Amino acid sequence: MVMTSCKQDAAERDAKLQGKLTGTWVLEYTPLASNFESTIFIDSNRNYAVHGQRLTLSNKIYTFEIGGKYTVVNGWLIDTVTNHSMWTNKAHSPYVVSNQIVRLTDQELILKFDEVTNQVEVIFRKKEK
């Protein structure tokens, strides 16, 4: 009985976090890259679209688009990437990346974000309507 209750509590927590994801999120801080911008649009069906850009060392702006679906499971953001503008071969699609949710409020999303070490915190702010 206790295990069922714990699973229900976790599912309810995940559902609340999932609901808070809907909206537009703007990257505020990442130590992974400089001169980098990213905006994520997440709909109520968990589909997302990312528009990103970075300034190269030769001062050229490089833009990219990513699409997929987010799911929250046990406090982790599971990112199923189904489209990436850099892919020249669709054999890459889909692939899954998991990032630990450190904090998710109505205005802030902090993830431990790094596919290798999962040790870097990345901060997003919700864009006002």
C-alpha atoms as a PDB file:
ATOM      1  CA  MET A   1       0.000   0.000   0.000  1.00  0.00           C
ATOM      2  CA  VAL A   2       2.831   2.396   0.795  1.00  0.00           C
ATOM      3  CA  MET A   3       4.510   1.766  -2.586  1.00  0.00           C
ATOM      4  CA  THR A   4       1.276   2.591  -4.413  1.00  0.00           C
ATOM      5  CA  SER A   5       0.965   5.826  -2.431  1.00  0.00           C
ATOM      6  CA  CYS A   6       4.578   6.798  -3.220  1.00  0.00           C
ATOM      7  CA  LYS A   7       4.035   6.108  -6.930  1.00  0.00           C
ATOM      8  CA  GLN A   8       0.847   8.182  -6.888  1.00  0.00           C
ATOM      9  CA  ASP A   9       2.627  11.038  -5.092  1.00  0.00           C
ATOM     10  CA  ALA A  10       5.466  10.959  -7.645  1.00  0.00           C
ATOM     11  CA  ALA A  11       2.995  10.886 -10.543  1.00  0.00           C
ATOM     12  CA  GLU A  12       1.095  13.862  -9.088  1.00  0.00           C
ATOM     13  CA  ARG A  13       4.359  15.782  -8.580  1.00  0.00           C
ATOM     14  CA  ASP A  14       5.435  15.030 -12.140  1.00  0.00           C
ATOM     15  CA  ALA A  15       2.031  16.131 -13.497  1.00  0.00           C
ATOM     16  CA  LYS A  16       2.314  19.461 -11.626  1.00  0.00           C
ATOM     17  CA  LEU A  17       5.805  20.030 -12.985  1.00  0.00           C
ATOM     18  CA  GLN A  18       4.651  19.050 -16.474  1.00  0.00           C
ATOM     19  CA  GLY A  19       1.878  21.657 -16.309  1.00  0.00           C
ATOM     20  CA  LYS A  20       4.336  24.386 -15.343  1.00  0.00           C
ATOM     21  CA  LEU A  21       6.421  23.742 -18.471  1.00  0.00           C
ATOM     22  CA  THR A  22       3.779  25.089 -20.874  1.00  0.00           C
ATOM     23  CA  GLY A  23       4.787  28.486 -22.270  1.00  0.00           C
ATOM     24  CA  THR A  24       7.826  30.249 -23.678  1.00  0.00           C
ATOM     25  CA  TRP A  25      11.175  29.912 -21.923  1.00  0.00           C
ATOM     26  CA  VAL A  26      14.271  32.016 -22.608  1.00  0.00           C
ATOM     27  CA  LEU A  27      17.769  30.858 -21.750  1.00  0.00           C
ATOM     28  CA  GLU A  28      19.226  33.150 -19.106  1.00  0.00           C
ATOM     29  CA  TYR A  29      22.442  31.373 -18.195  1.00  0.00           C
ATOM     30  CA  THR A  30      24.580  28.521 -19.480  1.00  0.00           C
ATOM     31  CA  PRO A  31      28.248  27.910 -18.747  1.00  0.00           C
ATOM     32  CA  LEU A  32      28.353  25.507 -21.722  1.00  0.00           C
ATOM     33  CA  ALA A  33      28.666  28.174 -24.421  1.00  0.00           C
ATOM     34  CA  SER A  34      29.164  31.905 -24.724  1.00  0.00           C
ATOM     35  CA  ASN A  35      27.345  34.154 -27.180  1.00  0.00           C
ATOM     36  CA  PHE A  36      24.454  31.700 -27.210  1.00  0.00           C
ATOM     37  CA  GLU A  37      20.690  32.382 -27.198  1.00  0.00           C
ATOM     38  CA  SER A  38      17.836  29.905 -26.981  1.00  0.00           C
ATOM     39  CA  THR A  39      14.046  30.220 -26.781  1.00  0.00           C
ATOM     40  CA  ILE A  40      11.821  27.204 -26.147  1.00  0.00           C
ATOM     41  CA  PHE A  41       8.099  27.146 -26.955  1.00  0.00           C
ATOM     42  CA  ILE A  42       6.240  24.338 -25.125  1.00  0.00           C
ATOM     43  CA  ASP A  43       2.582  23.582 -25.790  1.00  0.00           C
ATOM     44  CA  SER A  44       0.075  21.859 -23.478  1.00  0.00           C
ATOM     45  CA  ASN A  45       0.599  18.527 -25.302  1.00  0.00           C
ATOM     46  CA  ARG A  46       4.301  18.575 -24.274  1.00  0.00           C
ATOM     47  CA  ASN A  47       5.517  19.310 -27.827  1.00  0.00           C
ATOM     48  CA  TYR A  48       8.306  21.840 -28.032  1.00  0.00           C
ATOM     49  CA  ALA A  49      10.172  23.918 -30.571  1.00  0.00           C
ATOM     50  CA  VAL A  50      13.545  25.515 -29.883  1.00  0.00           C
ATOM     51  CA  HIS A  51      14.966  28.445 -31.781  1.00  0.00           C
ATOM     52  CA  GLY A  52      18.611  29.016 -31.007  1.00  0.00           C
ATOM     53  CA  GLN A  53      21.509  31.009 -32.256  1.00  0.00           C
ATOM     54  CA  ARG A  54      25.133  31.574 -31.443  1.00  0.00           C
ATOM     55  CA  LEU A  55      27.808  33.955 -32.547  1.00  0.00           C
ATOM     56  CA  THR A  56      30.810  32.155 -34.039  1.00  0.00           C
ATOM     57  CA  LEU A  57      34.419  33.190 -33.509  1.00  0.00           C
ATOM     58  CA  SER A  58      34.341  34.749 -36.981  1.00  0.00           C
ATOM     59  CA  ASN A  59      31.328  36.896 -35.915  1.00  0.00           C
ATOM     60  CA  LYS A  60      28.804  34.967 -38.002  1.00  0.00           C
ATOM     61  CA  ILE A  61      25.400  34.172 -36.553  1.00  0.00           C
ATOM     62  CA  TYR A  62      24.574  30.492 -36.671  1.00  0.00           C
ATOM     63  CA  THR A  63      20.896  29.595 -36.115  1.00  0.00           C
ATOM     64  CA  PHE A  64      19.245  26.241 -35.503  1.00  0.00           C
ATOM     65  CA  GLU A  65      15.823  24.742 -34.789  1.00  0.00           C
ATOM     66  CA  ILE A  66      15.048  21.686 -32.653  1.00  0.00           C
ATOM     67  CA  GLY A  67      11.704  19.977 -32.076  1.00  0.00           C
ATOM     68  CA  GLY A  68      10.413  17.155 -29.966  1.00  0.00           C
ATOM     69  CA  LYS A  69       8.458  16.262 -26.863  1.00  0.00           C
ATOM     70  CA  TYR A  70       9.153  16.803 -23.163  1.00  0.00           C
ATOM     71  CA  THR A  71       7.965  14.467 -20.432  1.00  0.00           C
ATOM     72  CA  VAL A  72       8.583  14.750 -16.686  1.00  0.00           C
ATOM     73  CA  VAL A  73       9.382  11.429 -14.986  1.00  0.00           C
ATOM     74  CA  ASN A  74      10.483  11.201 -11.345  1.00  0.00           C
ATOM     75  CA  GLY A  75      11.613  14.833 -11.386  1.00  0.00           C
ATOM     76  CA  TRP A  76      13.653  14.450 -14.576  1.00  0.00           C
ATOM     77  CA  LEU A  77      12.947  16.213 -17.868  1.00  0.00           C
ATOM     78  CA  ILE A  78      12.964  13.560 -20.575  1.00  0.00           C
ATOM     79  CA  ASP A  79      13.616  15.195 -23.950  1.00  0.00           C
ATOM     80  CA  THR A  80      12.703  13.140 -27.011  1.00  0.00           C
ATOM     81  CA  VAL A  81      14.270  15.024 -29.914  1.00  0.00           C
ATOM     82  CA  THR A  82      12.510  14.298 -33.214  1.00  0.00           C
ATOM     83  CA  ASN A  83      13.859  17.085 -35.406  1.00  0.00           C
ATOM     84  CA  HIS A  84      17.051  19.109 -35.560  1.00  0.00           C
ATOM     85  CA  SER A  85      17.953  21.528 -38.326  1.00  0.00           C
ATOM     86  CA  MET A  86      21.575  20.318 -38.255  1.00  0.00           C
ATOM     87  CA  TRP A  87      20.628  16.737 -39.117  1.00  0.00           C
ATOM     88  CA  THR A  88      21.470  15.775 -42.649  1.00  0.00           C
ATOM     89  CA  ASN A  89      20.561  12.156 -41.984  1.00  0.00           C
ATOM     90  CA  LYS A  90      17.185  11.348 -40.396  1.00  0.00           C
ATOM     91  CA  ALA A  91      18.732   8.173 -38.925  1.00  0.00           C
ATOM     92  CA  HIS A  92      19.539  10.332 -35.875  1.00  0.00           C
ATOM     93  CA  SER A  93      15.845  10.762 -35.099  1.00  0.00           C
ATOM     94  CA  PRO A  94      14.550  10.343 -32.487  1.00  0.00           C
ATOM     95  CA  TYR A  95      16.983  10.390 -29.618  1.00  0.00           C
ATOM     96  CA  VAL A  96      16.403  10.910 -25.906  1.00  0.00           C
ATOM     97  CA  VAL A  97      18.227  13.164 -23.446  1.00  0.00           C
ATOM     98  CA  SER A  98      17.458  13.325 -19.706  1.00  0.00           C
ATOM     99  CA  ASN A  99      18.154  16.333 -17.482  1.00  0.00           C
ATOM    100  CA  GLN A 100      17.463  16.613 -13.764  1.00  0.00           C
ATOM    101  CA  ILE A 101      15.009  19.353 -12.799  1.00  0.00           C
ATOM    102  CA  VAL A 102      16.655  21.308  -9.985  1.00  0.00           C
ATOM    103  CA  ARG A 103      13.831  23.856  -9.727  1.00  0.00           C
ATOM    104  CA  LEU A 104      10.699  24.590 -11.729  1.00  0.00           C
ATOM    105  CA  THR A 105       8.403  27.431 -10.723  1.00  0.00           C
ATOM    106  CA  ASP A 106       5.947  29.509 -12.712  1.00  0.00           C
ATOM    107  CA  GLN A 107       8.859  31.753 -13.755  1.00  0.00           C
ATOM    108  CA  GLU A 108      12.102  29.764 -13.509  1.00  0.00           C
ATOM    109  CA  LEU A 109      13.452  26.458 -14.804  1.00  0.00           C
ATOM    110  CA  ILE A 110      16.844  25.217 -13.638  1.00  0.00           C
ATOM    111  CA  LEU A 111      18.209  21.995 -15.092  1.00  0.00           C
ATOM    112  CA  LYS A 112      21.353  19.995 -14.425  1.00  0.00           C
ATOM    113  CA  PHE A 113      22.294  19.862 -18.056  1.00  0.00           C
ATOM    114  CA  ASP A 114      25.134  17.900 -19.556  1.00  0.00           C
ATOM    115  CA  GLU A 115      24.831  14.638 -21.400  1.00  0.00           C
ATOM    116  CA  VAL A 116      28.150  13.368 -20.070  1.00  0.00           C
ATOM    117  CA  THR A 117      28.407  14.470 -16.437  1.00  0.00           C
ATOM    118  CA  ASN A 118      24.953  16.011 -15.753  1.00  0.00           C
ATOM    119  CA  GLN A 119      26.699  18.518 -13.496  1.00  0.00           C
ATOM    120  CA  VAL A 120      26.134  21.899 -15.164  1.00  0.00           C
ATOM    121  CA  GLU A 121      23.162  24.046 -14.187  1.00  0.00           C
ATOM    122  CA  VAL A 122      21.339  25.869 -16.970  1.00  0.00           C
ATOM    123  CA  ILE A 123      18.744  28.561 -16.151  1.00  0.00           C
ATOM    124  CA  PHE A 124      15.661  29.519 -18.169  1.00  0.00           C
ATOM    125  CA  ARG A 125      13.148  32.284 -17.391  1.00  0.00           C
ATOM    126  CA  LYS A 126       9.534  32.191 -18.500  1.00  0.00           C
ATOM    127  CA  LYS A 127       8.707  34.919 -20.969  1.00  0.00           C
ATOM    128  CA  GLU A 128       5.763  37.105 -20.052  1.00  0.00           C
ATOM    129  CA  LYS A 129       2.787  36.966 -22.400  1.00  0.00           C
END
